[in-house]
PDB file of N, CA and C in Angstrom:
ATOM      1  N   MET A   1      -4.861   1.348   1.195  1.00  0.00           N
ATOM      2  CA  MET A   1      -5.556   2.402   1.907  1.00  0.00           C
ATOM      3  C   MET A   1      -5.008   3.929   1.319  1.00  0.00           C
ATOM      4  N   ALA A   2      -6.074   4.500   0.642  1.00  0.00           N
ATOM      5  CA  ALA A   2      -5.664   5.924   0.149  1.00  0.00           C
ATOM      6  C   ALA A   2      -4.690   6.561   1.376  1.00  0.00           C
ATOM      7  N   LYS A   3      -3.900   7.168   0.930  1.00  0.00           N
ATOM      8  CA  LYS A   3      -3.528   8.487   1.542  1.00  0.00           C
ATOM      9  C   LYS A   3      -4.420   9.254   1.882  1.00  0.00           C
ATOM     10  N   VAL A   4      -4.148   9.692   2.942  1.00  0.00           N
ATOM     11  CA  VAL A   4      -4.981  11.047   3.656  1.00  0.00           C
ATOM     12  C   VAL A   4      -4.299  12.088   3.653  1.00  0.00           C
ATOM     13  N   GLY A   5      -5.304  13.288   3.068  1.00  0.00           N
ATOM     14  CA  GLY A   5      -4.645  14.446   2.168  1.00  0.00           C
ATOM     15  C   GLY A   5      -5.412  15.074   2.039  1.00  0.00           C
ATOM     16  N   VAL A   6      -4.756  16.494   1.195  1.00  0.00           N
ATOM     17  CA  VAL A   6      -5.714  17.626   0.473  1.00  0.00           C
ATOM     18  C   VAL A   6      -4.794  17.843  -0.487  1.00  0.00           C
ATOM     19  N   THR A   7      -5.404  18.097  -1.830  1.00  0.00           N
ATOM     20  CA  THR A   7      -5.076  18.468  -3.255  1.00  0.00           C
ATOM     21  C   THR A   7      -5.567  19.934  -3.910  1.00  0.00           C
ATOM     22  N   MET A   8      -5.007  20.875  -3.904  1.00  0.00           N
ATOM     23  CA  MET A   8      -5.547  22.246  -4.692  1.00  0.00           C
ATOM     24  C   MET A   8      -4.738  22.643  -5.688  1.00  0.00           C
ATOM     25  N   SER A   9      -5.759  23.493  -6.262  1.00  0.00           N
ATOM     26  CA  SER A   9      -5.269  23.885  -7.478  1.00  0.00           C
ATOM     27  C   SER A   9      -6.215  25.400  -7.162  1.00  0.00           C
ATOM     28  N   ILE A  10      -5.401  26.329  -7.899  1.00  0.00           N
ATOM     29  CA  ILE A  10      -5.770  27.789  -7.927  1.00  0.00           C
ATOM     30  C   ILE A  10      -5.902  28.271  -9.353  1.00  0.00           C
ATOM     31  N   ARG A  11      -7.365  28.747  -9.156  1.00  0.00           N
ATOM     32  CA  ARG A  11      -7.614  28.766 -11.095  1.00  0.00           C
ATOM     33  C   ARG A  11      -7.517  30.424 -11.123  1.00  0.00           C
ATOM     34  N   PHE A  12      -7.304  31.090 -12.042  1.00  0.00           N
ATOM     35  CA  PHE A  12      -7.300  32.307 -12.295  1.00  0.00           C
ATOM     36  C   PHE A  12      -7.754  32.718 -13.784  1.00  0.00           C
ATOM     37  N   ARG A  13      -8.883  33.527 -14.034  1.00  0.00           N
ATOM     38  CA  ARG A  13      -9.624  33.630 -15.027  1.00  0.00           C
ATOM     39  C   ARG A  13      -9.889  32.072 -16.220  1.00  0.00           C
ATOM     40  N   GLY A  14      -9.766  30.941 -15.259  1.00  0.00           N
ATOM     41  CA  GLY A  14     -10.072  29.688 -16.196  1.00  0.00           C
ATOM     42  C   GLY A  14      -9.078  28.829 -16.173  1.00  0.00           C
ATOM     43  N   GLU A  15      -7.931  29.424 -15.822  1.00  0.00           N
ATOM     44  CA  GLU A  15      -6.381  28.870 -16.306  1.00  0.00           C
ATOM     45  C   GLU A  15      -5.884  28.737 -14.980  1.00  0.00           C
ATOM     46  N   GLU A  16      -5.338  27.109 -14.419  1.00  0.00           N
ATOM     47  CA  GLU A  16      -4.806  26.716 -13.206  1.00  0.00           C
ATOM     48  C   GLU A  16      -3.578  27.322 -13.252  1.00  0.00           C
ATOM     49  N   VAL A  17      -3.207  28.162 -12.028  1.00  0.00           N
ATOM     50  CA  VAL A  17      -2.266  29.132 -12.250  1.00  0.00           C
ATOM     51  C   VAL A  17      -1.137  28.340 -10.856  1.00  0.00           C
ATOM     52  N   HIS A  18      -1.703  27.565 -10.309  1.00  0.00           N
ATOM     53  CA  HIS A  18      -0.809  26.800  -8.847  1.00  0.00           C
ATOM     54  C   HIS A  18      -1.736  25.815  -8.444  1.00  0.00           C
ATOM     55  N   ALA A  19      -0.928  24.563  -8.151  1.00  0.00           N
ATOM     56  CA  ALA A  19      -1.616  23.592  -7.670  1.00  0.00           C
ATOM     57  C   ALA A  19      -0.482  22.957  -6.629  1.00  0.00           C
ATOM     58  N   PHE A  20      -0.789  22.204  -5.612  1.00  0.00           N
ATOM     59  CA  PHE A  20      -0.406  21.095  -4.720  1.00  0.00           C
ATOM     60  C   PHE A  20      -0.868  20.467  -4.162  1.00  0.00           C
ATOM     61  N   SER A  21      -0.044  19.671  -3.439  1.00  0.00           N
ATOM     62  CA  SER A  21      -1.051  18.264  -2.555  1.00  0.00           C
ATOM     63  C   SER A  21      -0.075  18.248  -1.368  1.00  0.00           C
ATOM     64  N   VAL A  22      -0.956  17.875   0.016  1.00  0.00           N
ATOM     65  CA  VAL A  22      -0.418  18.047   1.225  1.00  0.00           C
ATOM     66  C   VAL A  22      -0.984  16.443   1.569  1.00  0.00           C
ATOM     67  N   HIS A  23       0.449  15.651   1.923  1.00  0.00           N
ATOM     68  CA  HIS A  23      -0.065  13.933   2.749  1.00  0.00           C
ATOM     69  C   HIS A  23       0.765  14.153   3.824  1.00  0.00           C
ATOM     70  N   PRO A  24       0.519  14.281   5.244  1.00  0.00           N
ATOM     71  CA  PRO A  24       1.364  14.245   6.087  1.00  0.00           C
ATOM     72  C   PRO A  24       1.275  13.202   6.355  1.00  0.00           C
ATOM     73  N   ASP A  25       2.453  12.672   7.238  1.00  0.00           N
ATOM     74  CA  ASP A  25       2.803  11.266   7.658  1.00  0.00           C
ATOM     75  C   ASP A  25       2.439  11.120   8.838  1.00  0.00           C
ATOM     76  N   VAL A  26       2.524  12.276   9.614  1.00  0.00           N
ATOM     77  CA  VAL A  26       2.600  12.281  11.033  1.00  0.00           C
ATOM     78  C   VAL A  26       1.647  13.693  11.305  1.00  0.00           C
ATOM     79  N   PRO A  27       0.496  13.615  12.435  1.00  0.00           N
ATOM     80  CA  PRO A  27      -0.241  14.389  12.584  1.00  0.00           C
ATOM     81  C   PRO A  27       0.395  15.305  13.726  1.00  0.00           C
ATOM     82  N   GLU A  28       0.123  16.779  13.114  1.00  0.00           N
ATOM     83  CA  GLU A  28       0.658  17.759  14.160  1.00  0.00           C
ATOM     84  C   GLU A  28      -0.273  17.958  15.557  1.00  0.00           C
ATOM     85  N   ASP A  29       0.195  18.016  16.697  1.00  0.00           N
ATOM     86  CA  ASP A  29      -0.668  18.472  17.809  1.00  0.00           C
ATOM     87  C   ASP A  29      -0.914  20.059  17.428  1.00  0.00           C
ATOM     88  N   MET A  30      -2.280  20.354  17.297  1.00  0.00           N
ATOM     89  CA  MET A  30      -2.994  21.652  16.744  1.00  0.00           C
ATOM     90  C   MET A  30      -3.969  22.236  18.074  1.00  0.00           C
ATOM     91  N   TYR A  31      -3.529  21.318  19.452  1.00  0.00           N
ATOM     92  CA  TYR A  31      -4.955  21.498  20.326  1.00  0.00           C
ATOM     93  C   TYR A  31      -4.418  22.071  21.249  1.00  0.00           C
ATOM     94  N   SER A  32      -3.472  22.878  21.414  1.00  0.00           N
ATOM     95  CA  SER A  32      -2.654  23.403  22.589  1.00  0.00           C
ATOM     96  C   SER A  32      -3.816  24.224  22.957  1.00  0.00           C
ATOM     97  N   THR A  33      -4.080  23.958  24.517  1.00  0.00           N
ATOM     98  CA  THR A  33      -4.889  24.980  25.120  1.00  0.00           C
ATOM     99  C   THR A  33      -4.500  26.702  25.607  1.00  0.00           C
ATOM    100  N   ASN A  34      -2.944  26.394  25.699  1.00  0.00           N
ATOM    101  CA  ASN A  34      -2.853  27.901  25.826  1.00  0.00           C
ATOM    102  C   ASN A  34      -2.506  28.531  24.679  1.00  0.00           C
ATOM    103  N   GLU A  35      -2.505  28.194  23.189  1.00  0.00           N
ATOM    104  CA  GLU A  35      -2.785  29.097  22.392  1.00  0.00           C
ATOM    105  C   GLU A  35      -4.274  29.855  22.528  1.00  0.00           C
ATOM    106  N   SER A  36      -4.997  29.630  23.375  1.00  0.00           N
ATOM    107  CA  SER A  36      -6.236  30.017  23.367  1.00  0.00           C
ATOM    108  C   SER A  36      -6.348  31.261  23.482  1.00  0.00           C
ATOM    109  N   GLU A  37      -5.509  31.136  24.574  1.00  0.00           N
ATOM    110  CA  GLU A  37      -5.280  32.705  25.412  1.00  0.00           C
ATOM    111  C   GLU A  37      -4.688  34.164  24.536  1.00  0.00           C
ATOM    112  N   THR A  38      -3.948  33.377  23.406  1.00  0.00           N
ATOM    113  CA  THR A  38      -3.437  34.497  22.748  1.00  0.00           C
ATOM    114  C   THR A  38      -3.886  34.575  21.300  1.00  0.00           C
ATOM    115  N   ILE A  39      -3.904  33.448  20.581  1.00  0.00           N
ATOM    116  CA  ILE A  39      -4.710  33.251  19.035  1.00  0.00           C
ATOM    117  C   ILE A  39      -5.978  33.311  19.383  1.00  0.00           C
ATOM    118  N   PRO A  40      -6.537  33.987  18.119  1.00  0.00           N
ATOM    119  CA  PRO A  40      -8.033  34.031  18.117  1.00  0.00           C
ATOM    120  C   PRO A  40      -8.589  32.991  17.797  1.00  0.00           C
ATOM    121  N   HIS A  41      -9.482  32.004  17.938  1.00  0.00           N
ATOM    122  CA  HIS A  41     -10.162  30.543  17.268  1.00  0.00           C
ATOM    123  C   HIS A  41      -9.394  29.558  17.694  1.00  0.00           C
ATOM    124  N   ALA A  42      -8.513  29.626  18.446  1.00  0.00           N
ATOM    125  CA  ALA A  42      -7.250  28.429  18.772  1.00  0.00           C
ATOM    126  C   ALA A  42      -8.315  27.361  19.545  1.00  0.00           C
ATOM    127  N   TYR A  43      -8.200  26.183  19.762  1.00  0.00           N
ATOM    128  CA  TYR A  43      -8.855  25.563  20.329  1.00  0.00           C
ATOM    129  C   TYR A  43      -8.931  25.596  21.846  1.00  0.00           C
ATOM    130  N   GLY A  44      -9.799  25.707  22.906  1.00  0.00           N
ATOM    131  CA  GLY A  44      -9.311  26.014  23.921  1.00  0.00           C
ATOM    132  C   GLY A  44      -9.877  24.951  25.158  1.00  0.00           C
ATOM    133  N   GLY A  45     -10.664  23.825  24.535  1.00  0.00           N
ATOM    134  CA  GLY A  45     -11.029  22.857  25.332  1.00  0.00           C
ATOM    135  C   GLY A  45     -12.068  23.166  26.118  1.00  0.00           C
ATOM    136  N   LYS A  46     -12.653  24.424  25.745  1.00  0.00           N
ATOM    137  CA  LYS A  46     -14.485  24.609  26.850  1.00  0.00           C
ATOM    138  C   LYS A  46     -15.177  25.029  25.806  1.00  0.00           C
ATOM    139  N   GLU A  47     -16.506  25.209  25.760  1.00  0.00           N
ATOM    140  CA  GLU A  47     -17.495  25.551  24.665  1.00  0.00           C
ATOM    141  C   GLU A  47     -18.572  26.180  26.291  1.00  0.00           C
ATOM    142  N   ASP A  48     -18.941  27.680  25.977  1.00  0.00           N
ATOM    143  CA  ASP A  48     -20.014  27.963  26.786  1.00  0.00           C
ATOM    144  C   ASP A  48     -19.678  27.725  28.249  1.00  0.00           C
ATOM    145  N   GLY A  49     -18.455  27.699  28.616  1.00  0.00           N
ATOM    146  CA  GLY A  49     -18.115  27.374  29.886  1.00  0.00           C
ATOM    147  C   GLY A  49     -17.605  25.659  29.999  1.00  0.00           C
ATOM    148  N   GLY A  50     -18.391  24.942  29.537  1.00  0.00           N
ATOM    149  CA  GLY A  50     -18.122  23.612  29.951  1.00  0.00           C
ATOM    150  C   GLY A  50     -17.084  22.786  28.819  1.00  0.00           C
ATOM    151  N   PRO A  51     -16.678  21.886  29.677  1.00  0.00           N
ATOM    152  CA  PRO A  51     -15.389  21.140  29.041  1.00  0.00           C
ATOM    153  C   PRO A  51     -15.991  20.518  27.527  1.00  0.00           C
ATOM    154  N   LEU A  52     -15.175  20.483  26.467  1.00  0.00           N
ATOM    155  CA  LEU A  52     -15.262  19.568  25.445  1.00  0.00           C
ATOM    156  C   LEU A  52     -14.393  18.379  25.430  1.00  0.00           C
ATOM    157  N   PRO A  53     -14.975  17.202  24.613  1.00  0.00           N
ATOM    158  CA  PRO A  53     -14.016  16.103  24.537  1.00  0.00           C
ATOM    159  C   PRO A  53     -12.689  16.280  24.022  1.00  0.00           C
ATOM    160  N   ALA A  54     -11.543  15.261  24.763  1.00  0.00           N
ATOM    161  CA  ALA A  54     -10.147  15.749  24.266  1.00  0.00           C
ATOM    162  C   ALA A  54     -10.602  15.151  22.762  1.00  0.00           C
ATOM    163  N   PRO A  55      -9.957  16.059  21.638  1.00  0.00           N
ATOM    164  CA  PRO A  55      -9.734  15.728  20.473  1.00  0.00           C
ATOM    165  C   PRO A  55      -8.836  14.713  19.905  1.00  0.00           C
ATOM    166  N   LYS A  56      -9.254  13.909  19.052  1.00  0.00           N
ATOM    167  CA  LYS A  56      -8.390  12.725  18.743  1.00  0.00           C
ATOM    168  C   LYS A  56      -7.079  13.552  18.013  1.00  0.00           C
ATOM    169  N   GLN A  57      -5.857  12.822  18.200  1.00  0.00           N
ATOM    170  CA  GLN A  57      -4.466  13.326  18.115  1.00  0.00           C
ATOM    171  C   GLN A  57      -3.812  12.410  16.866  1.00  0.00           C
ATOM    172  N   THR A  58      -4.651  11.269  16.509  1.00  0.00           N
ATOM    173  CA  THR A  58      -4.225   9.915  15.948  1.00  0.00           C
ATOM    174  C   THR A  58      -5.282   9.891  14.728  1.00  0.00           C
ATOM    175  N   GLY A  59      -4.939   8.908  14.155  1.00  0.00           N
ATOM    176  CA  GLY A  59      -5.835   8.538  12.685  1.00  0.00           C
ATOM    177  C   GLY A  59      -6.162   9.149  11.864  1.00  0.00           C
ATOM    178  N   PRO A  60      -7.158   8.909  10.992  1.00  0.00           N
ATOM    179  CA  PRO A  60      -7.235   9.653   9.620  1.00  0.00           C
ATOM    180  C   PRO A  60      -7.655  11.002   9.890  1.00  0.00           C
ATOM    181  N   HIS A  61      -8.669  11.258  10.819  1.00  0.00           N
ATOM    182  CA  HIS A  61      -8.857  12.918  11.213  1.00  0.00           C
ATOM    183  C   HIS A  61      -7.983  13.591  11.369  1.00  0.00           C
ATOM    184  N   ALA A  62      -7.078  13.263  12.212  1.00  0.00           N
ATOM    185  CA  ALA A  62      -6.164  14.113  12.933  1.00  0.00           C
ATOM    186  C   ALA A  62      -5.224  14.316  11.583  1.00  0.00           C
ATOM    187  N   LEU A  63      -4.784  13.279  10.697  1.00  0.00           N
ATOM    188  CA  LEU A  63      -3.999  13.531   9.545  1.00  0.00           C
ATOM    189  C   LEU A  63      -4.781  14.437   8.466  1.00  0.00           C
ATOM    190  N   LEU A  64      -5.953  14.839   8.399  1.00  0.00           N
ATOM    191  CA  LEU A  64      -6.512  15.412   7.708  1.00  0.00           C
ATOM    192  C   LEU A  64      -6.807  16.848   8.239  1.00  0.00           C
ATOM    193  N   ALA A  65      -6.816  16.841   9.255  1.00  0.00           N
ATOM    194  CA  ALA A  65      -6.888  18.450  10.366  1.00  0.00           C
ATOM    195  C   ALA A  65      -5.327  18.813   9.845  1.00  0.00           C
ATOM    196  N   THR A  66      -4.395  18.177   9.747  1.00  0.00           N
ATOM    197  CA  THR A  66      -3.046  18.688  10.014  1.00  0.00           C
ATOM    198  C   THR A  66      -2.462  19.073   8.376  1.00  0.00           C
ATOM    199  N   ALA A  67      -3.520  18.537   7.149  1.00  0.00           N
ATOM    200  CA  ALA A  67      -3.091  18.811   5.898  1.00  0.00           C
ATOM    201  C   ALA A  67      -4.266  19.688   5.610  1.00  0.00           C
ATOM    202  N   ILE A  68      -5.121  19.855   6.268  1.00  0.00           N
ATOM    203  CA  ILE A  68      -6.236  21.350   6.088  1.00  0.00           C
ATOM    204  C   ILE A  68      -5.345  22.254   6.221  1.00  0.00           C
ATOM    205  N   LYS A  69      -4.532  22.386   7.154  1.00  0.00           N
ATOM    206  CA  LYS A  69      -4.123  23.373   8.101  1.00  0.00           C
ATOM    207  C   LYS A  69      -2.558  23.530   7.224  1.00  0.00           C
ATOM    208  N   ASN A  70      -1.689  22.819   6.726  1.00  0.00           N
ATOM    209  CA  ASN A  70      -0.502  23.241   6.038  1.00  0.00           C
ATOM    210  C   ASN A  70      -0.819  23.443   4.682  1.00  0.00           C
ATOM    211  N   ALA A  71      -2.469  22.971   3.948  1.00  0.00           N
ATOM    212  CA  ALA A  71      -2.738  23.458   2.707  1.00  0.00           C
ATOM    213  C   ALA A  71      -3.389  25.037   2.683  1.00  0.00           C
ATOM    214  N   LYS A  72      -4.006  25.481   3.832  1.00  0.00           N
ATOM    215  CA  LYS A  72      -4.490  26.779   4.159  1.00  0.00           C
ATOM    216  C   LYS A  72      -2.779  27.741   4.355  1.00  0.00           C
ATOM    217  N   SER A  73      -2.005  27.391   4.891  1.00  0.00           N
ATOM    218  CA  SER A  73      -0.549  28.133   4.585  1.00  0.00           C
ATOM    219  C   SER A  73      -0.154  28.146   3.536  1.00  0.00           C
ATOM    220  N   LYS A  74      -0.084  27.116   3.018  1.00  0.00           N
ATOM    221  CA  LYS A  74       0.948  27.018   1.601  1.00  0.00           C
ATOM    222  C   LYS A  74      -0.131  27.829   0.617  1.00  0.00           C
ATOM    223  N   SER A  75      -1.557  27.856   0.422  1.00  0.00           N
ATOM    224  CA  SER A  75      -1.948  28.943  -0.192  1.00  0.00           C
ATOM    225  C   SER A  75      -2.312  30.171  -0.133  1.00  0.00           C
ATOM    226  N   GLU A  76      -2.250  30.159   1.581  1.00  0.00           N
ATOM    227  CA  GLU A  76      -2.060  31.920   1.808  1.00  0.00           C
ATOM    228  C   GLU A  76      -0.381  32.441   1.194  1.00  0.00           C
ATOM    229  N   ALA A  77       0.567  31.478   1.171  1.00  0.00           N
ATOM    230  CA  ALA A  77       2.064  32.224   0.850  1.00  0.00           C
ATOM    231  C   ALA A  77       1.914  32.514  -0.575  1.00  0.00           C
ATOM    232  N   PHE A  78       1.269  31.619  -1.372  1.00  0.00           N
ATOM    233  CA  PHE A  78       1.118  31.853  -2.714  1.00  0.00           C
ATOM    234  C   PHE A  78       0.469  32.683  -3.381  1.00  0.00           C
ATOM    235  N   LEU A  79      -0.735  32.949  -2.306  1.00  0.00           N
ATOM    236  CA  LEU A  79      -1.438  34.110  -2.652  1.00  0.00           C
ATOM    237  C   LEU A  79      -1.009  35.337  -2.621  1.00  0.00           C
ATOM    238  N   ALA A  80      -0.242  35.434  -1.106  1.00  0.00           N
ATOM    239  CA  ALA A  80       0.099  36.748  -0.547  1.00  0.00           C
ATOM    240  C   ALA A  80       1.473  37.428  -1.744  1.00  0.00           C
ATOM    241  N   ASP A  81       2.253  36.443  -2.135  1.00  0.00           N
ATOM    242  CA  ASP A  81       2.985  36.817  -3.151  1.00  0.00           C
ATOM    243  C   ASP A  81       2.466  37.225  -4.381  1.00  0.00           C
ATOM    244  N   LYS A  82       1.159  36.795  -4.871  1.00  0.00           N
ATOM    245  CA  LYS A  82       0.667  37.185  -6.009  1.00  0.00           C
ATOM    246  C   LYS A  82       0.005  38.425  -6.026  1.00  0.00           C
ATOM    247  N   CYS A  83      -0.573  38.576  -4.636  1.00  0.00           N
ATOM    248  CA  CYS A  83      -1.314  39.606  -4.242  1.00  0.00           C
ATOM    249  C   CYS A  83      -0.705  41.072  -3.956  1.00  0.00           C
ATOM    250  N   GLU A  84       0.197  40.791  -3.341  1.00  0.00           N
ATOM    251  CA  GLU A  84       1.163  41.652  -2.650  1.00  0.00           C
ATOM    252  C   GLU A  84       2.408  41.800  -3.440  1.00  0.00           C
ATOM    253  N   GLY A  85       2.681  41.115  -4.141  1.00  0.00           N
ATOM    254  CA  GLY A  85       3.936  41.203  -4.913  1.00  0.00           C
ATOM    255  C   GLY A  85       5.090  40.573  -3.700  1.00  0.00           C
ATOM    256  N   PRO A  86       6.386  40.041  -4.055  1.00  0.00           N
ATOM    257  CA  PRO A  86       7.170  39.673  -3.788  1.00  0.00           C
ATOM    258  C   PRO A  86       7.768  40.570  -2.775  1.00  0.00           C
ATOM    259  N   VAL A  87       8.869  40.324  -1.460  1.00  0.00           N
ATOM    260  CA  VAL A  87       8.980  41.404  -0.747  1.00  0.00           C
ATOM    261  C   VAL A  87      10.480  41.875  -1.448  1.00  0.00           C
ATOM    262  N   LYS A  88      10.305  43.132  -1.450  1.00  0.00           N
ATOM    263  CA  LYS A  88      11.826  44.458  -2.435  1.00  0.00           C
ATOM    264  C   LYS A  88      12.406  44.186  -1.341  1.00  0.00           C
ATOM    265  N   LEU A  89      13.856  44.649  -1.830  1.00  0.00           N
ATOM    266  CA  LEU A  89      14.902  44.989  -0.629  1.00  0.00           C
ATOM    267  C   LEU A  89      14.700  46.241   0.181  1.00  0.00           C
ATOM    268  N   ASP A  90      13.907  47.072  -0.791  1.00  0.00           N
ATOM    269  CA  ASP A  90      13.510  48.506   0.228  1.00  0.00           C
ATOM    270  C   ASP A  90      12.474  47.947   1.226  1.00  0.00           C
ATOM    271  N   ASP A  91      11.693  47.299   1.141  1.00  0.00           N
ATOM    272  CA  ASP A  91      10.677  47.188   2.274  1.00  0.00           C
ATOM    273  C   ASP A  91      11.202  46.312   3.242  1.00  0.00           C
ATOM    274  N   VAL A  92      12.615  45.652   3.223  1.00  0.00           N
ATOM    275  CA  VAL A  92      12.867  44.951   4.236  1.00  0.00           C
ATOM    276  C   VAL A  92      13.934  45.637   5.700  1.00  0.00           C
TER     277      VAL A  92
END
């Protein structure tokens, strides 16, 4: 069976400038309903006042959701460094 994950490459003017893969072994718990009170767009367990079914916390879909979340973090970190530049000692 193929390993669940995400492979991403970032291109600039047709040239690949960064590539990475994320293949988690264990899914993260991304569905804390406590976060929905403080973090916009977090899972809240309700939609239009009614309860949602419990999300799957195991299996390939949970691994894929974890991989997507981690790939987003990695790509944002890379792009922030390229767009905003590395942190300078004067900025700290």
